[in-house]
């Protein structure tokens, strides 16, 4: 599988953000993992349509933690951070 053009990304006070809402599977997971490979350190906030259960084992394997945050409306929002940060 190839990663399609990047989902919207931005940096804010609480970390890097990526909005993968509306992307077909497996693009959300691919986009998130691609972002994690490029950032130097810090938290990542993911804006998603659904809970990405298949992403969690991939995060663990790469040394990232996750927690669900309150999202707006039907949004699922996650905060990701590395174990070594």
PDB file of N, CA and C in Angstrom:
ATOM      1  N   UNK A   1       0.834  -1.186   0.000  1.00  0.00           N
ATOM      2  CA  UNK A   1       0.000   0.000   0.000  1.00  0.00           C
ATOM      3  C   UNK A   1       0.876   1.245   0.000  1.00  0.00           C
ATOM      4  N   UNK A   2       0.440   2.246  -0.703  1.00  0.00           N
ATOM      5  CA  UNK A   2       1.172   3.507  -0.724  1.00  0.00           C
ATOM      6  C   UNK A   2       0.396   4.572   0.031  1.00  0.00           C
ATOM      7  N   UNK A   3       1.123   5.515   0.553  1.00  0.00           N
ATOM      8  CA  UNK A   3       0.498   6.619   1.277  1.00  0.00           C
ATOM      9  C   UNK A   3       0.060   7.662   0.255  1.00  0.00           C
ATOM     10  N   UNK A   4      -1.199   8.047   0.320  1.00  0.00           N
ATOM     11  CA  UNK A   4      -1.737   9.079  -0.557  1.00  0.00           C
ATOM     12  C   UNK A   4      -1.237  10.440  -0.080  1.00  0.00           C
ATOM     13  N   UNK A   5      -1.548  11.508  -0.800  1.00  0.00           N
ATOM     14  CA  UNK A   5      -1.130  12.838  -0.346  1.00  0.00           C
ATOM     15  C   UNK A   5      -1.484  13.055   1.124  1.00  0.00           C
ATOM     16  N   UNK A   6      -0.657  13.810   1.792  1.00  0.00           N
ATOM     17  CA  UNK A   6      -0.759  13.983   3.241  1.00  0.00           C
ATOM     18  C   UNK A   6      -2.095  14.534   3.697  1.00  0.00           C
ATOM     19  N   UNK A   7      -2.555  13.972   4.815  1.00  0.00           N
ATOM     20  CA  UNK A   7      -3.713  14.507   5.516  1.00  0.00           C
ATOM     21  C   UNK A   7      -3.302  15.851   6.104  1.00  0.00           C
ATOM     22  N   UNK A   8      -4.254  16.733   6.397  1.00  0.00           N
ATOM     23  CA  UNK A   8      -3.899  18.022   7.002  1.00  0.00           C
ATOM     24  C   UNK A   8      -3.094  17.833   8.288  1.00  0.00           C
ATOM     25  N   UNK A   9      -1.998  18.580   8.385  1.00  0.00           N
ATOM     26  CA  UNK A   9      -1.109  18.525   9.552  1.00  0.00           C
ATOM     27  C   UNK A   9      -0.790  19.946   9.982  1.00  0.00           C
ATOM     28  N   UNK A  10      -0.620  20.135  11.283  1.00  0.00           N
ATOM     29  CA  UNK A  10      -0.209  21.437  11.789  1.00  0.00           C
ATOM     30  C   UNK A  10       0.411  21.248  13.164  1.00  0.00           C
ATOM     31  N   UNK A  11       1.123  22.272  13.599  1.00  0.00           N
ATOM     32  CA  UNK A  11       1.745  22.242  14.915  1.00  0.00           C
ATOM     33  C   UNK A  11       1.090  23.303  15.784  1.00  0.00           C
ATOM     34  N   UNK A  12       0.801  22.937  17.035  1.00  0.00           N
ATOM     35  CA  UNK A  12       0.187  23.845  18.006  1.00  0.00           C
ATOM     36  C   UNK A  12       0.926  23.690  19.330  1.00  0.00           C
ATOM     37  N   UNK A  13       0.502  24.443  20.334  1.00  0.00           N
ATOM     38  CA  UNK A  13       1.154  24.388  21.646  1.00  0.00           C
ATOM     39  C   UNK A  13       1.128  22.995  22.263  1.00  0.00           C
ATOM     40  N   UNK A  14       0.086  22.206  21.960  1.00  0.00           N
ATOM     41  CA  UNK A  14      -0.034  20.874  22.558  1.00  0.00           C
ATOM     42  C   UNK A  14       0.602  19.779  21.706  1.00  0.00           C
ATOM     43  N   UNK A  15       1.250  20.121  20.608  1.00  0.00           N
ATOM     44  CA  UNK A  15       1.958  19.127  19.804  1.00  0.00           C
ATOM     45  C   UNK A  15       1.618  19.214  18.331  1.00  0.00           C
ATOM     46  N   UNK A  16       2.013  18.190  17.612  1.00  0.00           N
ATOM     47  CA  UNK A  16       1.701  18.066  16.190  1.00  0.00           C
ATOM     48  C   UNK A  16       0.297  17.501  16.047  1.00  0.00           C
ATOM     49  N   UNK A  17      -0.453  17.985  15.074  1.00  0.00           N
ATOM     50  CA  UNK A  17      -1.811  17.499  14.822  1.00  0.00           C
ATOM     51  C   UNK A  17      -1.878  16.905  13.427  1.00  0.00           C
ATOM     52  N   UNK A  18      -2.701  15.859  13.292  1.00  0.00           N
ATOM     53  CA  UNK A  18      -2.996  15.292  11.978  1.00  0.00           C
ATOM     54  C   UNK A  18      -4.484  14.956  11.954  1.00  0.00           C
ATOM     55  N   UNK A  19      -5.153  15.331  10.878  1.00  0.00           N
ATOM     56  CA  UNK A  19      -6.591  15.104  10.734  1.00  0.00           C
ATOM     57  C   UNK A  19      -6.807  14.071   9.627  1.00  0.00           C
ATOM     58  N   UNK A  20      -7.132  12.854  10.036  1.00  0.00           N
ATOM     59  CA  UNK A  20      -7.316  11.760   9.075  1.00  0.00           C
ATOM     60  C   UNK A  20      -8.793  11.423   8.861  1.00  0.00           C
ATOM     61  N   UNK A  21      -9.672  12.283   9.347  1.00  0.00           N
ATOM     62  CA  UNK A  21     -11.107  12.040   9.181  1.00  0.00           C
ATOM     63  C   UNK A  21     -11.455  12.027   7.696  1.00  0.00           C
ATOM     64  N   UNK A  22     -12.298  11.071   7.326  1.00  0.00           N
ATOM     65  CA  UNK A  22     -12.776  10.982   5.950  1.00  0.00           C
ATOM     66  C   UNK A  22     -11.876  10.187   5.022  1.00  0.00           C
ATOM     67  N   UNK A  23     -10.692   9.787   5.470  1.00  0.00           N
ATOM     68  CA  UNK A  23      -9.818   8.991   4.620  1.00  0.00           C
ATOM     69  C   UNK A  23     -10.240   7.520   4.649  1.00  0.00           C
ATOM     70  N   UNK A  24     -10.164   6.828   3.504  1.00  0.00           N
ATOM     71  CA  UNK A  24     -10.510   5.406   3.494  1.00  0.00           C
ATOM     72  C   UNK A  24      -9.403   4.576   4.138  1.00  0.00           C
ATOM     73  N   UNK A  25      -9.779   3.461   4.738  1.00  0.00           N
ATOM     74  CA  UNK A  25      -8.793   2.534   5.310  1.00  0.00           C
ATOM     75  C   UNK A  25      -7.927   1.990   4.179  1.00  0.00           C
ATOM     76  N   UNK A  26      -6.666   1.777   4.391  1.00  0.00           N
ATOM     77  CA  UNK A  26      -5.859   1.938   5.604  1.00  0.00           C
ATOM     78  C   UNK A  26      -5.136   3.286   5.679  1.00  0.00           C
ATOM     79  N   UNK A  27      -5.571   4.270   4.906  1.00  0.00           N
ATOM     80  CA  UNK A  27      -4.872   5.550   4.850  1.00  0.00           C
ATOM     81  C   UNK A  27      -4.693   6.235   6.207  1.00  0.00           C
ATOM     82  N   UNK A  28      -5.699   6.251   7.100  1.00  0.00           N
ATOM     83  CA  UNK A  28      -5.455   6.909   8.384  1.00  0.00           C
ATOM     84  C   UNK A  28      -4.239   6.338   9.111  1.00  0.00           C
ATOM     85  N   UNK A  29      -4.149   5.015   9.192  1.00  0.00           N
ATOM     86  CA  UNK A  29      -3.021   4.406   9.887  1.00  0.00           C
ATOM     87  C   UNK A  29      -1.706   4.715   9.173  1.00  0.00           C
ATOM     88  N   UNK A  30      -1.684   4.617   7.857  1.00  0.00           N
ATOM     89  CA  UNK A  30      -0.463   4.899   7.101  1.00  0.00           C
ATOM     90  C   UNK A  30      -0.023   6.351   7.279  1.00  0.00           C
ATOM     91  N   UNK A  31      -0.983   7.272   7.255  1.00  0.00           N
ATOM     92  CA  UNK A  31      -0.663   8.701   7.417  1.00  0.00           C
ATOM     93  C   UNK A  31      -0.101   8.982   8.815  1.00  0.00           C
ATOM     94  N   UNK A  32      -0.713   8.375   9.822  1.00  0.00           N
ATOM     95  CA  UNK A  32      -0.256   8.579  11.205  1.00  0.00           C
ATOM     96  C   UNK A  32       1.154   8.021  11.381  1.00  0.00           C
ATOM     97  N   UNK A  33       1.386   6.801  10.926  1.00  0.00           N
ATOM     98  CA  UNK A  33       2.709   6.184  11.070  1.00  0.00           C
ATOM     99  C   UNK A  33       3.771   6.969  10.294  1.00  0.00           C
ATOM    100  N   UNK A  34       3.412   7.490   9.127  1.00  0.00           N
ATOM    101  CA  UNK A  34       4.354   8.291   8.356  1.00  0.00           C
ATOM    102  C   UNK A  34       4.734   9.556   9.128  1.00  0.00           C
ATOM    103  N   UNK A  35       3.756  10.199   9.768  1.00  0.00           N
ATOM    104  CA  UNK A  35       4.048  11.393  10.565  1.00  0.00           C
ATOM    105  C   UNK A  35       4.969  11.054  11.733  1.00  0.00           C
ATOM    106  N   UNK A  36       4.702   9.954  12.423  1.00  0.00           N
ATOM    107  CA  UNK A  36       5.511   9.580  13.579  1.00  0.00           C
ATOM    108  C   UNK A  36       6.974   9.363  13.217  1.00  0.00           C
ATOM    109  N   UNK A  37       7.225   8.946  11.991  1.00  0.00           N
ATOM    110  CA  UNK A  37       8.604   8.724  11.545  1.00  0.00           C
ATOM    111  C   UNK A  37       9.339  10.029  11.254  1.00  0.00           C
ATOM    112  N   UNK A  38       8.614  11.131  11.117  1.00  0.00           N
ATOM    113  CA  UNK A  38       9.247  12.385  10.696  1.00  0.00           C
ATOM    114  C   UNK A  38       9.406  13.416  11.804  1.00  0.00           C
ATOM    115  N   UNK A  39       8.717  13.254  12.917  1.00  0.00           N
ATOM    116  CA  UNK A  39       8.807  14.291  13.951  1.00  0.00           C
ATOM    117  C   UNK A  39       9.966  13.996  14.899  1.00  0.00           C
ATOM    118  N   UNK A  40      10.636  15.035  15.381  1.00  0.00           N
ATOM    119  CA  UNK A  40      11.790  14.831  16.253  1.00  0.00           C
ATOM    120  C   UNK A  40      11.399  14.370  17.660  1.00  0.00           C
ATOM    121  N   UNK A  41      10.373  14.937  18.231  1.00  0.00           N
ATOM    122  CA  UNK A  41       9.928  14.584  19.583  1.00  0.00           C
ATOM    123  C   UNK A  41       8.621  15.310  19.853  1.00  0.00           C
ATOM    124  N   UNK A  42       7.967  14.949  20.945  1.00  0.00           N
ATOM    125  CA  UNK A  42       6.748  15.635  21.345  1.00  0.00           C
ATOM    126  C   UNK A  42       5.511  14.798  21.123  1.00  0.00           C
ATOM    127  N   UNK A  43       4.392  15.382  21.446  1.00  0.00           N
ATOM    128  CA  UNK A  43       3.109  14.700  21.342  1.00  0.00           C
ATOM    129  C   UNK A  43       2.509  14.878  19.952  1.00  0.00           C
ATOM    130  N   UNK A  44       1.671  13.931  19.591  1.00  0.00           N
ATOM    131  CA  UNK A  44       0.901  13.997  18.352  1.00  0.00           C
ATOM    132  C   UNK A  44      -0.567  13.881  18.724  1.00  0.00           C
ATOM    133  N   UNK A  45      -1.388  14.767  18.200  1.00  0.00           N
ATOM    134  CA  UNK A  45      -2.831  14.716  18.403  1.00  0.00           C
ATOM    135  C   UNK A  45      -3.446  14.254  17.083  1.00  0.00           C
ATOM    136  N   UNK A  46      -4.195  13.159  17.155  1.00  0.00           N
ATOM    137  CA  UNK A  46      -4.833  12.584  15.968  1.00  0.00           C
ATOM    138  C   UNK A  46      -6.320  12.907  16.013  1.00  0.00           C
ATOM    139  N   UNK A  47      -6.850  13.414  14.913  1.00  0.00           N
ATOM    140  CA  UNK A  47      -8.281  13.680  14.753  1.00  0.00           C
ATOM    141  C   UNK A  47      -8.800  12.604  13.797  1.00  0.00           C
ATOM    142  N   UNK A  48      -9.705  11.745  14.287  1.00  0.00           N
ATOM    143  CA  UNK A  48     -10.107  10.546  13.547  1.00  0.00           C
ATOM    144  C   UNK A  48     -11.624  10.399  13.585  1.00  0.00           C
ATOM    145  N   UNK A  49     -12.155   9.595  12.647  1.00  0.00           N
ATOM    146  CA  UNK A  49     -13.599   9.298  12.608  1.00  0.00           C
ATOM    147  C   UNK A  49     -13.999   8.200  13.583  1.00  0.00           C
ATOM    148  N   UNK A  50     -13.053   7.297  13.840  1.00  0.00           N
ATOM    149  CA  UNK A  50     -13.355   6.108  14.631  1.00  0.00           C
ATOM    150  C   UNK A  50     -12.124   5.729  15.443  1.00  0.00           C
ATOM    151  N   UNK A  51     -12.313   4.897  16.446  1.00  0.00           N
ATOM    152  CA  UNK A  51     -11.172   4.454  17.238  1.00  0.00           C
ATOM    153  C   UNK A  51     -10.313   3.518  16.391  1.00  0.00           C
ATOM    154  N   UNK A  52      -9.035   3.835  16.228  1.00  0.00           N
ATOM    155  CA  UNK A  52      -8.167   3.051  15.348  1.00  0.00           C
ATOM    156  C   UNK A  52      -7.530   1.853  16.060  1.00  0.00           C
ATOM    157  N   UNK A  53      -8.328   0.820  16.321  1.00  0.00           N
ATOM    158  CA  UNK A  53      -7.851  -0.308  17.124  1.00  0.00           C
ATOM    159  C   UNK A  53      -6.658  -1.035  16.498  1.00  0.00           C
ATOM    160  N   UNK A  54      -6.561  -1.030  15.180  1.00  0.00           N
ATOM    161  CA  UNK A  54      -5.433  -1.710  14.536  1.00  0.00           C
ATOM    162  C   UNK A  54      -4.150  -0.888  14.612  1.00  0.00           C
ATOM    163  N   UNK A  55      -4.266   0.381  14.932  1.00  0.00           N
ATOM    164  CA  UNK A  55      -3.100   1.236  15.093  1.00  0.00           C
ATOM    165  C   UNK A  55      -2.371   0.957  16.402  1.00  0.00           C
ATOM    166  N   UNK A  56      -3.093   0.581  17.444  1.00  0.00           N
ATOM    167  CA  UNK A  56      -2.502   0.445  18.771  1.00  0.00           C
ATOM    168  C   UNK A  56      -1.330  -0.535  18.831  1.00  0.00           C
ATOM    169  N   UNK A  57      -1.430  -1.742  18.256  1.00  0.00           N
ATOM    170  CA  UNK A  57      -0.257  -2.632  18.287  1.00  0.00           C
ATOM    171  C   UNK A  57       0.944  -2.056  17.532  1.00  0.00           C
ATOM    172  N   UNK A  58       0.692  -1.331  16.455  1.00  0.00           N
ATOM    173  CA  UNK A  58       1.774  -0.694  15.697  1.00  0.00           C
ATOM    174  C   UNK A  58       2.463   0.380  16.540  1.00  0.00           C
ATOM    175  N   UNK A  59       1.677   1.137  17.294  1.00  0.00           N
ATOM    176  CA  UNK A  59       2.250   2.163  18.164  1.00  0.00           C
ATOM    177  C   UNK A  59       3.130   1.526  19.236  1.00  0.00           C
ATOM    178  N   UNK A  60       2.625   0.485  19.877  1.00  0.00           N
ATOM    179  CA  UNK A  60       3.381  -0.210  20.919  1.00  0.00           C
ATOM    180  C   UNK A  60       4.698  -0.735  20.368  1.00  0.00           C
ATOM    181  N   UNK A  61       4.645  -1.322  19.195  1.00  0.00           N
ATOM    182  CA  UNK A  61       5.843  -1.871  18.558  1.00  0.00           C
ATOM    183  C   UNK A  61       6.896  -0.785  18.296  1.00  0.00           C
ATOM    184  N   UNK A  62       6.451   0.424  18.033  1.00  0.00           N
ATOM    185  CA  UNK A  62       7.356   1.538  17.724  1.00  0.00           C
ATOM    186  C   UNK A  62       7.703   2.388  18.954  1.00  0.00           C
ATOM    187  N   UNK A  63       7.214   1.992  20.142  1.00  0.00           N
ATOM    188  CA  UNK A  63       7.549   2.714  21.365  1.00  0.00           C
ATOM    189  C   UNK A  63       6.692   3.925  21.653  1.00  0.00           C
ATOM    190  N   UNK A  64       5.469   3.966  21.110  1.00  0.00           N
ATOM    191  CA  UNK A  64       4.554   5.082  21.345  1.00  0.00           C
ATOM    192  C   UNK A  64       3.422   4.654  22.265  1.00  0.00           C
ATOM    193  N   UNK A  65       2.976   5.578  23.112  1.00  0.00           N
ATOM    194  CA  UNK A  65       1.804   5.404  23.970  1.00  0.00           C
ATOM    195  C   UNK A  65       0.633   6.155  23.360  1.00  0.00           C
ATOM    196  N   UNK A  66      -0.571   5.850  23.836  1.00  0.00           N
ATOM    197  CA  UNK A  66      -1.746   6.566  23.348  1.00  0.00           C
ATOM    198  C   UNK A  66      -2.771   6.715  24.465  1.00  0.00           C
ATOM    199  N   UNK A  67      -3.588   7.753  24.332  1.00  0.00           N
ATOM    200  CA  UNK A  67      -4.741   7.933  25.212  1.00  0.00           C
ATOM    201  C   UNK A  67      -5.838   8.620  24.418  1.00  0.00           C
ATOM    202  N   UNK A  68      -7.074   8.270  24.737  1.00  0.00           N
ATOM    203  CA  UNK A  68      -8.225   8.922  24.114  1.00  0.00           C
ATOM    204  C   UNK A  68      -8.470  10.257  24.820  1.00  0.00           C
ATOM    205  N   UNK A  69      -8.755  11.273  24.029  1.00  0.00           N
ATOM    206  CA  UNK A  69      -9.082  12.602  24.544  1.00  0.00           C
ATOM    207  C   UNK A  69     -10.515  12.944  24.151  1.00  0.00           C
ATOM    208  N   UNK A  70     -11.146  13.878  24.846  1.00  0.00           N
ATOM    209  CA  UNK A  70     -12.468  14.320  24.412  1.00  0.00           C
ATOM    210  C   UNK A  70     -12.372  14.964  23.029  1.00  0.00           C
ATOM    211  N   UNK A  71     -13.262  14.568  22.139  1.00  0.00           N
ATOM    212  CA  UNK A  71     -13.305  15.145  20.795  1.00  0.00           C
ATOM    213  C   UNK A  71     -14.604  15.898  20.593  1.00  0.00           C
ATOM    214  N   UNK A  72     -14.663  16.670  19.541  1.00  0.00           N
ATOM    215  CA  UNK A  72     -15.864  17.435  19.218  1.00  0.00           C
ATOM    216  C   UNK A  72     -16.821  16.569  18.402  1.00  0.00           C
ATOM    217  N   UNK A  73     -18.071  16.500  18.787  1.00  0.00           N
ATOM    218  CA  UNK A  73     -19.067  15.740  18.041  1.00  0.00           C
ATOM    219  C   UNK A  73     -18.713  14.271  17.949  1.00  0.00           C
ATOM    220  N   UNK A  74     -18.673  13.747  16.718  1.00  0.00           N
ATOM    221  CA  UNK A  74     -18.355  12.336  16.490  1.00  0.00           C
ATOM    222  C   UNK A  74     -16.859  12.080  16.364  1.00  0.00           C
ATOM    223  N   UNK A  75     -16.050  13.108  16.543  1.00  0.00           N
ATOM    224  CA  UNK A  75     -14.601  12.957  16.394  1.00  0.00           C
ATOM    225  C   UNK A  75     -14.010  12.092  17.499  1.00  0.00           C
ATOM    226  N   UNK A  76     -13.088  11.208  17.117  1.00  0.00           N
ATOM    227  CA  UNK A  76     -12.265  10.471  18.069  1.00  0.00           C
ATOM    228  C   UNK A  76     -10.911  11.172  18.057  1.00  0.00           C
ATOM    229  N   UNK A  77     -10.477  11.594  19.223  1.00  0.00           N
ATOM    230  CA  UNK A  77      -9.211  12.317  19.315  1.00  0.00           C
ATOM    231  C   UNK A  77      -8.255  11.512  20.193  1.00  0.00           C
ATOM    232  N   UNK A  78      -7.026  11.354  19.713  1.00  0.00           N
ATOM    233  CA  UNK A  78      -5.999  10.608  20.440  1.00  0.00           C
ATOM    234  C   UNK A  78      -4.793  11.488  20.678  1.00  0.00           C
ATOM    235  N   UNK A  79      -4.145  11.271  21.798  1.00  0.00           N
ATOM    236  CA  UNK A  79      -2.836  11.879  22.037  1.00  0.00           C
ATOM    237  C   UNK A  79      -1.828  10.754  22.041  1.00  0.00           C
ATOM    238  N   UNK A  80      -0.777  10.901  21.241  1.00  0.00           N
ATOM    239  CA  UNK A  80       0.291   9.921  21.138  1.00  0.00           C
ATOM    240  C   UNK A  80       1.578  10.540  21.664  1.00  0.00           C
ATOM    241  N   UNK A  81       2.379   9.769  22.364  1.00  0.00           N
ATOM    242  CA  UNK A  81       3.682  10.237  22.821  1.00  0.00           C
ATOM    243  C   UNK A  81       4.618   9.039  22.950  1.00  0.00           C
ATOM    244  N   UNK A  82       5.910   9.328  22.827  1.00  0.00           N
ATOM    245  CA  UNK A  82       6.902   8.253  22.883  1.00  0.00           C
ATOM    246  C   UNK A  82       7.269   7.918  24.308  1.00  0.00           C
ATOM    247  N   UNK A  83       7.608   6.656  24.518  1.00  0.00           N
ATOM    248  CA  UNK A  83       8.017   6.191  25.833  1.00  0.00           C
ATOM    249  C   UNK A  83       9.279   6.885  26.321  1.00  0.00           C
ATOM    250  N   UNK A  84      10.178   7.269  25.415  1.00  0.00           N
ATOM    251  CA  UNK A  84      11.459   7.843  25.807  1.00  0.00           C
ATOM    252  C   UNK A  84      11.435   9.357  25.926  1.00  0.00           C
ATOM    253  N   UNK A  85      10.266   9.978  25.805  1.00  0.00           N
ATOM    254  CA  UNK A  85      10.176  11.446  25.889  1.00  0.00           C
ATOM    255  C   UNK A  85       9.566  11.846  27.214  1.00  0.00           C
TER     256      UNK A  85
END
